[in-house]
């Protein structure tokens, strides 16, 4: 068993992609709660760092604490969307999922794309190693000791500005844009807030 537990969350919430999660079953959307509080807080990132990262602004777009929490600590699983949040590799629950394949980014060191399966849970939210659901999910994660959260967020906001410039200054719900180094990013933006963004691997 992993050193953590899952608790039930309401399923009628918006996913990181800006789309409603309409599974309609609370036991199909689970929140992972690591027993190590430092993991939940982003592997020991200080409140000062989290606050600074939430206030980064590039051009017309800004970060937020909700985005920082999503990128660094938020670990939610649903049958529909897989693991949302936890783009920081030290928060992604590698000990829980079954990684099928992975590849690194050609330009950004510390960034990799992974394909994985979720475990099968029983009614007590317990799982047995080696038993996984058939669905395959994809995720882009980054190592915050190699690519700092500040640089990650800054690059993502650069890409968002680039995307908006290509569409008359309006950022679409789902967007693609390039940061100032020419790296392609994808993200989701809704009601003036970023749900997520990540470099395309």
N, C-alpha and C. Protein backbone atom coordinates (compact mmCIF):
# COMPACT_ATOMS: atom_id res chain seq x y z
N UNK A 1 0.84 -1.20 0.00
CA UNK A 1 0.00 0.00 0.00
C UNK A 1 0.87 1.25 0.00
N UNK A 2 0.40 2.29 -0.69
CA UNK A 2 1.14 3.54 -0.73
C UNK A 2 1.05 4.25 0.61
N UNK A 3 2.04 5.11 0.88
CA UNK A 3 2.05 5.85 2.13
C UNK A 3 1.16 7.08 2.01
N UNK A 4 -0.11 6.83 1.92
CA UNK A 4 -1.08 7.90 1.80
C UNK A 4 -2.47 7.31 1.73
N UNK A 5 -3.45 8.12 1.57
CA UNK A 5 -4.81 7.62 1.47
C UNK A 5 -5.60 8.48 0.50
N UNK A 6 -6.72 7.94 0.03
CA UNK A 6 -7.60 8.67 -0.88
C UNK A 6 -8.90 8.95 -0.15
N UNK A 7 -9.45 10.11 -0.35
CA UNK A 7 -10.76 10.42 0.21
C UNK A 7 -11.70 10.80 -0.92
N UNK A 8 -12.99 10.60 -0.70
CA UNK A 8 -13.98 10.90 -1.73
C UNK A 8 -14.17 12.41 -1.86
N UNK A 9 -14.33 12.84 -3.11
CA UNK A 9 -14.63 14.23 -3.41
C UNK A 9 -15.92 14.26 -4.22
N UNK A 10 -16.61 15.39 -4.22
CA UNK A 10 -17.78 15.53 -5.06
C UNK A 10 -17.36 15.47 -6.52
N UNK A 11 -18.14 14.79 -7.32
CA UNK A 11 -17.77 14.61 -8.72
C UNK A 11 -18.22 15.75 -9.61
N UNK A 12 -19.15 16.59 -9.14
CA UNK A 12 -19.66 17.66 -9.99
C UNK A 12 -18.76 18.89 -9.87
N UNK A 13 -17.53 18.74 -10.37
CA UNK A 13 -16.58 19.83 -10.36
C UNK A 13 -16.00 19.99 -11.75
N UNK A 14 -15.28 21.07 -11.97
CA UNK A 14 -14.66 21.31 -13.26
C UNK A 14 -13.27 20.72 -13.27
N UNK A 15 -12.93 20.00 -14.31
CA UNK A 15 -11.61 19.40 -14.42
C UNK A 15 -10.58 20.45 -14.78
N UNK A 16 -9.30 20.08 -14.76
CA UNK A 16 -8.25 21.03 -15.10
C UNK A 16 -8.37 21.47 -16.55
N UNK A 17 -9.08 20.72 -17.38
CA UNK A 17 -9.26 21.09 -18.77
C UNK A 17 -10.40 22.08 -18.96
N UNK A 18 -11.01 22.53 -17.85
CA UNK A 18 -12.11 23.47 -17.96
C UNK A 18 -13.42 22.82 -18.34
N UNK A 19 -13.50 21.50 -18.23
CA UNK A 19 -14.71 20.78 -18.60
C UNK A 19 -15.34 20.17 -17.35
N UNK A 20 -16.67 20.15 -17.26
CA UNK A 20 -17.32 19.54 -16.10
C UNK A 20 -17.01 18.06 -16.01
N UNK A 21 -16.75 17.59 -14.81
CA UNK A 21 -16.59 16.15 -14.59
C UNK A 21 -17.95 15.62 -14.19
N UNK A 22 -18.63 15.00 -15.12
CA UNK A 22 -20.02 14.58 -14.89
C UNK A 22 -20.13 13.09 -14.64
N UNK A 23 -19.19 12.53 -13.93
CA UNK A 23 -19.27 11.10 -13.65
C UNK A 23 -20.50 10.79 -12.81
N UNK A 24 -20.89 11.75 -11.94
CA UNK A 24 -22.10 11.57 -11.16
C UNK A 24 -21.95 10.60 -10.00
N UNK A 25 -20.75 10.12 -9.77
CA UNK A 25 -20.54 9.19 -8.66
C UNK A 25 -19.37 9.68 -7.82
N UNK A 26 -19.65 9.97 -6.54
CA UNK A 26 -18.61 10.53 -5.70
C UNK A 26 -17.46 9.57 -5.50
N UNK A 27 -17.71 8.26 -5.60
CA UNK A 27 -16.62 7.32 -5.38
C UNK A 27 -15.75 7.15 -6.63
N UNK A 28 -16.04 7.95 -7.68
CA UNK A 28 -15.23 7.88 -8.89
C UNK A 28 -14.32 9.10 -9.00
N UNK A 29 -14.37 9.98 -8.02
CA UNK A 29 -13.46 11.12 -7.98
C UNK A 29 -12.81 11.13 -6.59
N UNK A 30 -11.53 10.89 -6.54
CA UNK A 30 -10.85 10.70 -5.27
C UNK A 30 -9.70 11.68 -5.10
N UNK A 31 -9.52 12.14 -3.88
CA UNK A 31 -8.46 13.08 -3.57
C UNK A 31 -7.38 12.36 -2.78
N UNK A 32 -6.14 12.45 -3.25
CA UNK A 32 -5.04 11.76 -2.59
C UNK A 32 -4.49 12.64 -1.48
N UNK A 33 -4.32 12.07 -0.30
CA UNK A 33 -3.79 12.81 0.84
C UNK A 33 -2.53 12.12 1.36
N UNK A 34 -1.36 12.54 0.89
CA UNK A 34 -0.13 11.92 1.39
C UNK A 34 0.01 12.13 2.88
N UNK A 35 0.58 11.15 3.56
CA UNK A 35 0.75 11.26 5.01
C UNK A 35 1.86 12.25 5.36
N UNK A 36 2.77 12.47 4.42
CA UNK A 36 3.82 13.45 4.63
C UNK A 36 3.29 14.82 4.21
N UNK A 37 3.10 15.71 5.19
CA UNK A 37 2.52 17.02 4.89
C UNK A 37 3.39 17.79 3.92
N UNK A 38 4.71 17.60 3.98
CA UNK A 38 5.60 18.31 3.07
C UNK A 38 5.32 17.96 1.62
N UNK A 39 4.88 16.72 1.37
CA UNK A 39 4.53 16.34 0.00
C UNK A 39 3.33 17.14 -0.45
N UNK A 40 2.32 17.24 0.42
CA UNK A 40 1.11 17.98 0.08
C UNK A 40 1.43 19.43 -0.18
N UNK A 41 2.44 19.96 0.46
CA UNK A 41 2.81 21.36 0.29
C UNK A 41 3.88 21.54 -0.78
N UNK A 42 4.11 20.54 -1.58
CA UNK A 42 5.05 20.68 -2.67
C UNK A 42 6.46 20.31 -2.29
N UNK A 43 6.62 19.25 -1.48
CA UNK A 43 7.95 18.78 -1.09
C UNK A 43 8.77 19.85 -0.39
N UNK A 44 8.12 20.55 0.54
CA UNK A 44 8.87 21.48 1.37
C UNK A 44 9.00 22.88 0.83
N UNK A 45 8.27 23.26 -0.21
CA UNK A 45 8.32 24.63 -0.69
C UNK A 45 7.74 25.53 0.40
N UNK A 46 8.39 26.67 0.62
CA UNK A 46 7.96 27.57 1.68
C UNK A 46 6.73 28.36 1.25
N UNK A 47 6.02 28.88 2.25
CA UNK A 47 4.87 29.72 1.97
C UNK A 47 5.28 30.96 1.18
N UNK A 48 6.49 31.47 1.46
CA UNK A 48 6.98 32.64 0.75
C UNK A 48 7.17 32.33 -0.73
N UNK A 49 7.71 31.14 -1.03
CA UNK A 49 7.89 30.75 -2.43
C UNK A 49 6.55 30.59 -3.12
N UNK A 50 5.63 29.90 -2.46
CA UNK A 50 4.31 29.69 -3.05
C UNK A 50 3.63 31.02 -3.33
N UNK A 51 3.75 31.96 -2.40
CA UNK A 51 3.14 33.27 -2.58
C UNK A 51 3.77 34.01 -3.75
N UNK A 52 5.09 33.96 -3.85
CA UNK A 52 5.80 34.65 -4.94
C UNK A 52 5.39 34.06 -6.29
N UNK A 53 5.31 32.75 -6.38
CA UNK A 53 4.95 32.10 -7.65
C UNK A 53 3.51 32.41 -8.05
N UNK A 54 2.66 32.65 -7.06
CA UNK A 54 1.25 32.95 -7.35
C UNK A 54 1.07 34.36 -7.88
N UNK A 55 2.10 35.19 -7.78
CA UNK A 55 2.00 36.60 -8.19
C UNK A 55 2.81 36.91 -9.45
N UNK A 56 3.32 35.89 -10.10
CA UNK A 56 4.08 36.11 -11.34
C UNK A 56 3.15 36.66 -12.42
N UNK A 57 3.59 37.69 -13.10
CA UNK A 57 2.81 38.28 -14.19
C UNK A 57 3.70 38.46 -15.41
N UNK A 58 3.19 38.03 -16.55
CA UNK A 58 3.89 38.21 -17.82
C UNK A 58 2.90 38.78 -18.80
N UNK A 59 3.18 39.98 -19.32
CA UNK A 59 2.25 40.60 -20.24
C UNK A 59 0.90 40.85 -19.58
N UNK A 60 -0.15 40.37 -20.19
CA UNK A 60 -1.50 40.61 -19.67
C UNK A 60 -2.00 39.50 -18.76
N UNK A 61 -1.19 38.47 -18.54
CA UNK A 61 -1.66 37.32 -17.77
C UNK A 61 -0.84 37.10 -16.51
N UNK A 62 -1.53 36.60 -15.48
CA UNK A 62 -0.90 36.40 -14.18
C UNK A 62 -1.15 34.98 -13.68
N UNK A 63 -0.27 34.58 -12.79
CA UNK A 63 -0.45 33.31 -12.09
C UNK A 63 -1.48 33.51 -10.99
N UNK A 64 -1.73 32.48 -10.22
CA UNK A 64 -2.63 32.56 -9.07
C UNK A 64 -2.25 31.44 -8.10
N UNK A 65 -2.70 31.57 -6.87
CA UNK A 65 -2.42 30.52 -5.91
C UNK A 65 -3.10 29.22 -6.32
N UNK A 66 -4.28 29.32 -6.93
CA UNK A 66 -4.97 28.12 -7.39
C UNK A 66 -4.14 27.39 -8.44
N UNK A 67 -3.52 28.13 -9.34
CA UNK A 67 -2.68 27.51 -10.36
C UNK A 67 -1.45 26.87 -9.74
N UNK A 68 -0.82 27.58 -8.80
CA UNK A 68 0.38 27.04 -8.14
C UNK A 68 0.05 25.75 -7.41
N UNK A 69 -1.04 25.74 -6.67
CA UNK A 69 -1.45 24.54 -5.95
C UNK A 69 -1.73 23.41 -6.93
N UNK A 70 -2.39 23.73 -8.03
CA UNK A 70 -2.67 22.71 -9.03
C UNK A 70 -1.38 22.12 -9.60
N UNK A 71 -0.45 22.97 -9.96
CA UNK A 71 0.78 22.49 -10.59
C UNK A 71 1.66 21.70 -9.63
N UNK A 72 1.72 22.13 -8.38
CA UNK A 72 2.71 21.57 -7.46
C UNK A 72 2.16 20.52 -6.50
N UNK A 73 0.88 20.60 -6.14
CA UNK A 73 0.44 19.74 -5.05
C UNK A 73 -0.87 19.02 -5.28
N UNK A 74 -1.76 19.57 -6.08
CA UNK A 74 -3.11 19.02 -6.16
C UNK A 74 -3.10 17.67 -6.87
N UNK A 75 -3.53 16.63 -6.19
CA UNK A 75 -3.55 15.30 -6.78
C UNK A 75 -4.97 14.75 -6.69
N UNK A 76 -5.70 14.78 -7.80
CA UNK A 76 -7.06 14.27 -7.84
C UNK A 76 -7.17 13.24 -8.95
N UNK A 77 -7.86 12.15 -8.66
CA UNK A 77 -8.04 11.11 -9.67
C UNK A 77 -9.51 10.95 -9.98
N UNK A 78 -9.82 10.81 -11.25
CA UNK A 78 -11.17 10.41 -11.63
C UNK A 78 -11.06 9.43 -12.78
N UNK A 79 -12.07 8.61 -12.92
CA UNK A 79 -12.07 7.63 -14.00
C UNK A 79 -12.05 8.34 -15.34
N UNK A 80 -12.67 9.50 -15.40
CA UNK A 80 -12.75 10.23 -16.67
C UNK A 80 -11.44 10.91 -17.04
N UNK A 81 -10.79 11.58 -16.08
CA UNK A 81 -9.66 12.45 -16.39
C UNK A 81 -8.30 11.94 -15.92
N UNK A 82 -8.26 10.86 -15.17
CA UNK A 82 -6.99 10.42 -14.64
C UNK A 82 -6.51 11.34 -13.53
N UNK A 83 -5.20 11.47 -13.38
CA UNK A 83 -4.62 12.34 -12.35
C UNK A 83 -4.63 13.77 -12.86
N UNK A 84 -5.29 14.67 -12.13
CA UNK A 84 -5.22 16.09 -12.45
C UNK A 84 -4.39 16.78 -11.38
N UNK A 85 -3.73 17.87 -11.79
CA UNK A 85 -2.79 18.51 -10.88
C UNK A 85 -1.50 17.72 -10.81
N UNK A 86 -0.67 18.06 -9.83
CA UNK A 86 0.58 17.32 -9.58
C UNK A 86 1.47 17.25 -10.81
N UNK A 87 1.65 18.38 -11.49
CA UNK A 87 2.59 18.40 -12.60
C UNK A 87 4.03 18.35 -12.10
N UNK A 88 4.26 18.76 -10.87
CA UNK A 88 5.58 18.60 -10.27
C UNK A 88 5.81 17.12 -10.02
N UNK A 89 6.93 16.60 -10.52
CA UNK A 89 7.16 15.16 -10.47
C UNK A 89 7.26 14.64 -9.04
N UNK A 90 7.66 15.49 -8.09
CA UNK A 90 7.76 15.00 -6.72
C UNK A 90 6.42 14.98 -6.00
N UNK A 91 5.36 15.40 -6.67
CA UNK A 91 4.02 15.30 -6.11
C UNK A 91 3.15 14.29 -6.87
N UNK A 92 3.56 13.93 -8.07
CA UNK A 92 2.78 12.95 -8.82
C UNK A 92 2.90 11.58 -8.15
N UNK A 93 1.78 10.87 -7.96
CA UNK A 93 1.82 9.61 -7.20
C UNK A 93 2.34 8.42 -8.03
N UNK A 94 3.63 8.46 -8.34
CA UNK A 94 4.22 7.36 -9.11
C UNK A 94 4.07 6.02 -8.39
N UNK A 95 4.01 6.08 -7.06
CA UNK A 95 3.92 4.84 -6.30
C UNK A 95 2.53 4.21 -6.39
N UNK A 96 1.57 4.96 -6.94
CA UNK A 96 0.20 4.47 -7.03
C UNK A 96 -0.13 3.97 -8.43
N UNK A 97 0.32 4.69 -9.45
CA UNK A 97 -0.06 4.38 -10.83
C UNK A 97 0.89 3.36 -11.45
N UNK A 98 0.49 2.84 -12.59
CA UNK A 98 1.34 1.94 -13.38
C UNK A 98 1.82 2.70 -14.61
N UNK A 99 3.11 3.05 -14.64
CA UNK A 99 3.67 3.81 -15.75
C UNK A 99 3.95 2.87 -16.91
N UNK A 100 3.32 3.15 -18.05
CA UNK A 100 3.47 2.31 -19.23
C UNK A 100 4.62 2.77 -20.11
N UNK A 101 4.80 4.07 -20.24
CA UNK A 101 5.89 4.61 -21.04
C UNK A 101 6.17 6.03 -20.61
N UNK A 102 7.35 6.53 -20.95
CA UNK A 102 7.72 7.89 -20.62
C UNK A 102 8.78 8.37 -21.60
N UNK A 103 8.76 9.68 -21.89
CA UNK A 103 9.80 10.25 -22.74
C UNK A 103 10.07 11.69 -22.31
N UNK A 104 11.31 12.09 -22.43
CA UNK A 104 11.71 13.42 -22.02
C UNK A 104 11.47 14.45 -23.11
N UNK A 105 11.42 15.71 -22.70
CA UNK A 105 11.27 16.81 -23.64
C UNK A 105 12.58 17.02 -24.38
N UNK A 106 12.51 17.37 -25.65
CA UNK A 106 13.71 17.52 -26.46
C UNK A 106 14.50 18.77 -26.12
N UNK A 107 13.87 19.74 -25.46
CA UNK A 107 14.53 21.01 -25.15
C UNK A 107 14.58 21.28 -23.65
N UNK A 108 13.47 21.09 -22.97
CA UNK A 108 13.38 21.43 -21.55
C UNK A 108 13.85 20.26 -20.68
N UNK A 109 14.99 20.42 -20.06
CA UNK A 109 15.48 19.39 -19.14
C UNK A 109 14.55 19.30 -17.93
N UNK A 110 14.30 18.09 -17.47
CA UNK A 110 13.45 17.90 -16.31
C UNK A 110 11.99 17.72 -16.63
N UNK A 111 11.61 17.88 -17.91
CA UNK A 111 10.22 17.72 -18.32
C UNK A 111 10.06 16.40 -19.04
N UNK A 112 9.03 15.64 -18.69
CA UNK A 112 8.78 14.40 -19.40
C UNK A 112 7.29 14.12 -19.50
N UNK A 113 6.94 13.36 -20.51
CA UNK A 113 5.58 12.91 -20.77
C UNK A 113 5.48 11.46 -20.33
N UNK A 114 4.42 11.13 -19.61
CA UNK A 114 4.25 9.76 -19.15
C UNK A 114 2.87 9.25 -19.54
N UNK A 115 2.78 7.97 -19.79
CA UNK A 115 1.51 7.29 -20.03
C UNK A 115 1.33 6.29 -18.90
N UNK A 116 0.14 6.24 -18.31
CA UNK A 116 -0.03 5.46 -17.10
C UNK A 116 -1.45 4.92 -16.97
N UNK A 117 -1.62 4.00 -16.02
CA UNK A 117 -2.93 3.46 -15.64
C UNK A 117 -3.17 3.71 -14.17
N UNK A 118 -4.44 3.86 -13.82
CA UNK A 118 -4.84 4.03 -12.43
C UNK A 118 -5.07 2.66 -11.78
N UNK A 119 -4.87 2.57 -10.49
CA UNK A 119 -5.15 1.29 -9.82
C UNK A 119 -6.63 1.04 -9.66
N UNK A 120 -6.99 -0.19 -9.39
CA UNK A 120 -8.37 -0.56 -9.08
C UNK A 120 -8.56 -0.40 -7.58
N UNK A 121 -9.57 0.36 -7.18
CA UNK A 121 -9.85 0.60 -5.77
C UNK A 121 -11.06 -0.22 -5.34
N UNK A 122 -11.05 -0.65 -4.07
CA UNK A 122 -12.24 -1.29 -3.53
C UNK A 122 -13.09 -0.23 -2.82
N UNK A 123 -14.15 -0.65 -2.17
CA UNK A 123 -15.07 0.30 -1.52
C UNK A 123 -14.44 1.05 -0.36
N UNK A 124 -13.33 0.55 0.16
CA UNK A 124 -12.64 1.23 1.27
C UNK A 124 -11.51 2.11 0.75
N UNK A 125 -11.48 2.33 -0.58
CA UNK A 125 -10.47 3.15 -1.23
C UNK A 125 -9.07 2.55 -1.08
N UNK A 126 -9.01 1.25 -0.94
CA UNK A 126 -7.74 0.54 -0.89
C UNK A 126 -7.47 -0.09 -2.25
N UNK A 127 -6.21 -0.35 -2.53
CA UNK A 127 -5.86 -0.98 -3.80
C UNK A 127 -4.73 -1.97 -3.57
N UNK A 128 -4.62 -2.90 -4.47
CA UNK A 128 -3.56 -3.90 -4.40
C UNK A 128 -2.57 -3.67 -5.53
N UNK A 129 -1.27 -3.70 -5.25
CA UNK A 129 -0.29 -3.52 -6.31
C UNK A 129 -0.49 -4.53 -7.43
N UNK A 130 -0.35 -4.05 -8.66
CA UNK A 130 -0.46 -4.94 -9.80
C UNK A 130 -1.85 -5.04 -10.41
N UNK A 131 -2.84 -4.40 -9.77
CA UNK A 131 -4.20 -4.43 -10.31
C UNK A 131 -4.56 -3.02 -10.78
N UNK A 132 -4.72 -2.89 -12.10
CA UNK A 132 -4.92 -1.56 -12.68
C UNK A 132 -6.12 -1.55 -13.62
N UNK A 133 -6.71 -0.35 -13.73
CA UNK A 133 -7.82 -0.16 -14.66
C UNK A 133 -7.29 -0.20 -16.10
N UNK A 134 -8.15 -0.54 -17.08
CA UNK A 134 -7.66 -0.67 -18.45
C UNK A 134 -7.40 0.66 -19.14
N UNK A 135 -8.00 1.76 -18.66
CA UNK A 135 -7.83 3.05 -19.34
C UNK A 135 -6.38 3.54 -19.23
N UNK A 136 -5.92 4.18 -20.30
CA UNK A 136 -4.59 4.77 -20.32
C UNK A 136 -4.71 6.29 -20.32
N UNK A 137 -3.91 6.94 -19.52
CA UNK A 137 -3.91 8.40 -19.43
C UNK A 137 -2.51 8.93 -19.71
N UNK A 138 -2.45 10.22 -20.06
CA UNK A 138 -1.17 10.86 -20.32
C UNK A 138 -1.00 12.05 -19.39
N UNK A 139 0.26 12.35 -19.09
CA UNK A 139 0.56 13.45 -18.19
C UNK A 139 1.93 14.03 -18.50
N UNK A 140 2.04 15.35 -18.45
CA UNK A 140 3.33 16.01 -18.55
C UNK A 140 3.74 16.47 -17.16
N UNK A 141 4.90 16.07 -16.72
CA UNK A 141 5.40 16.44 -15.39
C UNK A 141 6.77 17.11 -15.53
N UNK A 142 7.15 17.86 -14.51
CA UNK A 142 8.47 18.50 -14.52
C UNK A 142 9.13 18.33 -13.16
N UNK A 143 10.43 18.23 -13.18
CA UNK A 143 11.21 18.10 -11.96
C UNK A 143 11.55 19.50 -11.46
N UNK A 144 10.96 19.95 -10.33
CA UNK A 144 11.18 21.32 -9.87
C UNK A 144 12.60 21.58 -9.38
N UNK A 145 13.41 20.53 -9.24
CA UNK A 145 14.81 20.76 -8.89
C UNK A 145 15.66 21.02 -10.14
N UNK A 146 15.09 20.77 -11.31
CA UNK A 146 15.78 21.02 -12.58
C UNK A 146 15.20 22.24 -13.28
N UNK A 147 13.89 22.27 -13.42
CA UNK A 147 13.17 23.42 -13.98
C UNK A 147 12.37 24.02 -12.83
N UNK A 148 12.78 25.19 -12.38
CA UNK A 148 12.15 25.77 -11.20
C UNK A 148 10.69 26.12 -11.47
N UNK A 149 9.85 26.07 -10.44
CA UNK A 149 8.45 26.46 -10.61
C UNK A 149 8.31 27.88 -11.16
N UNK A 150 9.21 28.79 -10.75
CA UNK A 150 9.15 30.16 -11.25
C UNK A 150 9.37 30.20 -12.76
N UNK A 151 10.36 29.45 -13.24
CA UNK A 151 10.62 29.42 -14.68
C UNK A 151 9.49 28.72 -15.41
N UNK A 152 8.99 27.64 -14.84
CA UNK A 152 7.88 26.90 -15.46
C UNK A 152 6.68 27.82 -15.65
N UNK A 153 6.28 28.51 -14.59
CA UNK A 153 5.12 29.39 -14.66
C UNK A 153 5.36 30.55 -15.61
N UNK A 154 6.56 31.14 -15.55
CA UNK A 154 6.89 32.26 -16.44
C UNK A 154 6.79 31.84 -17.90
N UNK A 155 7.37 30.70 -18.22
CA UNK A 155 7.31 30.21 -19.60
C UNK A 155 5.87 29.94 -20.03
N UNK A 156 5.08 29.37 -19.14
CA UNK A 156 3.68 29.10 -19.47
C UNK A 156 2.91 30.38 -19.75
N UNK A 157 3.17 31.43 -18.96
CA UNK A 157 2.50 32.70 -19.18
C UNK A 157 2.99 33.37 -20.46
N UNK A 158 4.27 33.21 -20.78
CA UNK A 158 4.77 33.72 -22.06
C UNK A 158 4.01 33.06 -23.21
N UNK A 159 3.84 31.76 -23.11
CA UNK A 159 3.13 31.03 -24.15
C UNK A 159 1.67 31.45 -24.25
N UNK A 160 1.05 31.74 -23.11
CA UNK A 160 -0.35 32.20 -23.12
C UNK A 160 -0.48 33.53 -23.83
N UNK A 161 0.46 34.44 -23.60
CA UNK A 161 0.45 35.72 -24.29
C UNK A 161 0.63 35.53 -25.79
N UNK A 162 1.52 34.62 -26.16
CA UNK A 162 1.74 34.33 -27.57
C UNK A 162 0.47 33.77 -28.21
N UNK A 163 -0.20 32.89 -27.50
CA UNK A 163 -1.44 32.30 -28.02
C UNK A 163 -2.51 33.37 -28.21
N UNK A 164 -2.63 34.27 -27.23
CA UNK A 164 -3.64 35.33 -27.32
C UNK A 164 -3.34 36.27 -28.48
N UNK A 165 -2.06 36.55 -28.71
CA UNK A 165 -1.68 37.43 -29.81
C UNK A 165 -2.06 36.85 -31.17
N UNK A 166 -2.16 35.54 -31.23
CA UNK A 166 -2.52 34.89 -32.49
C UNK A 166 -4.03 34.84 -32.72
N UNK A 167 -4.79 35.18 -31.69
CA UNK A 167 -6.26 35.11 -31.80
C UNK A 167 -6.91 36.44 -31.43
N UNK A 168 -6.29 37.51 -31.85
CA UNK A 168 -6.88 38.82 -31.64
C UNK A 168 -6.87 39.29 -30.20
N UNK A 169 -5.94 38.80 -29.40
CA UNK A 169 -5.83 39.24 -28.01
C UNK A 169 -6.74 38.52 -27.05
N UNK A 170 -7.47 37.53 -27.53
CA UNK A 170 -8.39 36.78 -26.66
C UNK A 170 -7.88 35.35 -26.52
N UNK A 171 -7.72 34.92 -25.30
CA UNK A 171 -7.22 33.58 -25.04
C UNK A 171 -8.36 32.58 -25.03
N UNK A 172 -8.26 31.55 -25.84
CA UNK A 172 -9.30 30.54 -25.92
C UNK A 172 -9.31 29.67 -24.67
N UNK A 173 -10.40 28.93 -24.47
CA UNK A 173 -10.45 28.00 -23.33
C UNK A 173 -9.30 27.00 -23.44
N UNK A 174 -9.13 26.42 -24.61
CA UNK A 174 -7.97 25.57 -24.86
C UNK A 174 -7.06 26.31 -25.82
N UNK A 175 -5.80 26.48 -25.46
CA UNK A 175 -4.91 27.28 -26.28
C UNK A 175 -3.55 26.60 -26.46
N UNK A 176 -2.86 27.02 -27.51
CA UNK A 176 -1.49 26.59 -27.79
C UNK A 176 -0.67 27.82 -28.12
N UNK A 177 0.50 27.92 -27.54
CA UNK A 177 1.37 29.06 -27.81
C UNK A 177 2.81 28.73 -27.49
N UNK A 178 3.70 29.62 -27.93
CA UNK A 178 5.14 29.40 -27.75
C UNK A 178 5.70 30.36 -26.71
N UNK A 179 6.58 29.84 -25.85
CA UNK A 179 7.27 30.74 -24.93
C UNK A 179 8.38 31.46 -25.68
N UNK A 180 9.12 32.33 -25.00
CA UNK A 180 10.12 33.16 -25.68
C UNK A 180 11.31 32.36 -26.18
N UNK A 181 11.42 31.09 -25.77
CA UNK A 181 12.49 30.23 -26.27
C UNK A 181 12.02 29.34 -27.41
N UNK A 182 10.77 29.52 -27.82
CA UNK A 182 10.24 28.75 -28.94
C UNK A 182 9.69 27.39 -28.58
N UNK A 183 9.46 27.15 -27.28
CA UNK A 183 8.88 25.88 -26.84
C UNK A 183 7.35 25.98 -26.88
N UNK A 184 6.71 24.98 -27.45
CA UNK A 184 5.26 24.96 -27.56
C UNK A 184 4.61 24.51 -26.25
N UNK A 185 3.61 25.26 -25.82
CA UNK A 185 2.85 24.94 -24.61
C UNK A 185 1.38 24.80 -24.96
N UNK A 186 0.69 24.07 -24.12
CA UNK A 186 -0.75 23.92 -24.22
C UNK A 186 -1.35 24.25 -22.87
N UNK A 187 -2.52 24.87 -22.87
CA UNK A 187 -3.14 25.21 -21.60
C UNK A 187 -4.63 25.38 -21.71
N UNK A 188 -5.25 25.60 -20.56
CA UNK A 188 -6.70 25.79 -20.47
C UNK A 188 -6.97 27.03 -19.63
N UNK A 189 -7.86 27.86 -20.12
CA UNK A 189 -8.15 29.16 -19.51
C UNK A 189 -9.65 29.37 -19.51
N UNK A 190 -10.19 29.69 -18.35
CA UNK A 190 -11.64 29.84 -18.26
C UNK A 190 -11.99 30.83 -17.15
N UNK A 191 -12.92 31.71 -17.44
CA UNK A 191 -13.39 32.70 -16.46
C UNK A 191 -12.23 33.50 -15.87
N UNK A 192 -11.25 33.83 -16.73
CA UNK A 192 -10.14 34.66 -16.30
C UNK A 192 -9.07 33.95 -15.49
N UNK A 193 -9.13 32.62 -15.41
CA UNK A 193 -8.17 31.85 -14.62
C UNK A 193 -7.58 30.72 -15.45
N UNK A 194 -6.33 30.42 -15.19
CA UNK A 194 -5.70 29.27 -15.83
C UNK A 194 -6.03 28.01 -15.04
N UNK A 195 -6.55 27.01 -15.77
CA UNK A 195 -6.77 25.72 -15.12
C UNK A 195 -5.46 24.95 -15.03
N UNK A 196 -4.69 25.03 -16.11
CA UNK A 196 -3.39 24.36 -16.15
C UNK A 196 -2.66 24.81 -17.41
N UNK A 197 -1.35 24.59 -17.46
CA UNK A 197 -0.59 24.66 -18.71
C UNK A 197 0.67 23.84 -18.56
N UNK A 198 1.17 23.37 -19.70
CA UNK A 198 2.32 22.47 -19.70
C UNK A 198 2.97 22.47 -21.09
N UNK A 199 4.28 22.23 -21.14
CA UNK A 199 4.95 22.15 -22.44
C UNK A 199 4.53 20.88 -23.18
N UNK A 200 4.40 20.98 -24.49
CA UNK A 200 4.03 19.82 -25.31
C UNK A 200 5.29 18.99 -25.55
N UNK A 201 5.22 17.73 -25.20
CA UNK A 201 6.37 16.83 -25.36
C UNK A 201 6.18 16.02 -26.63
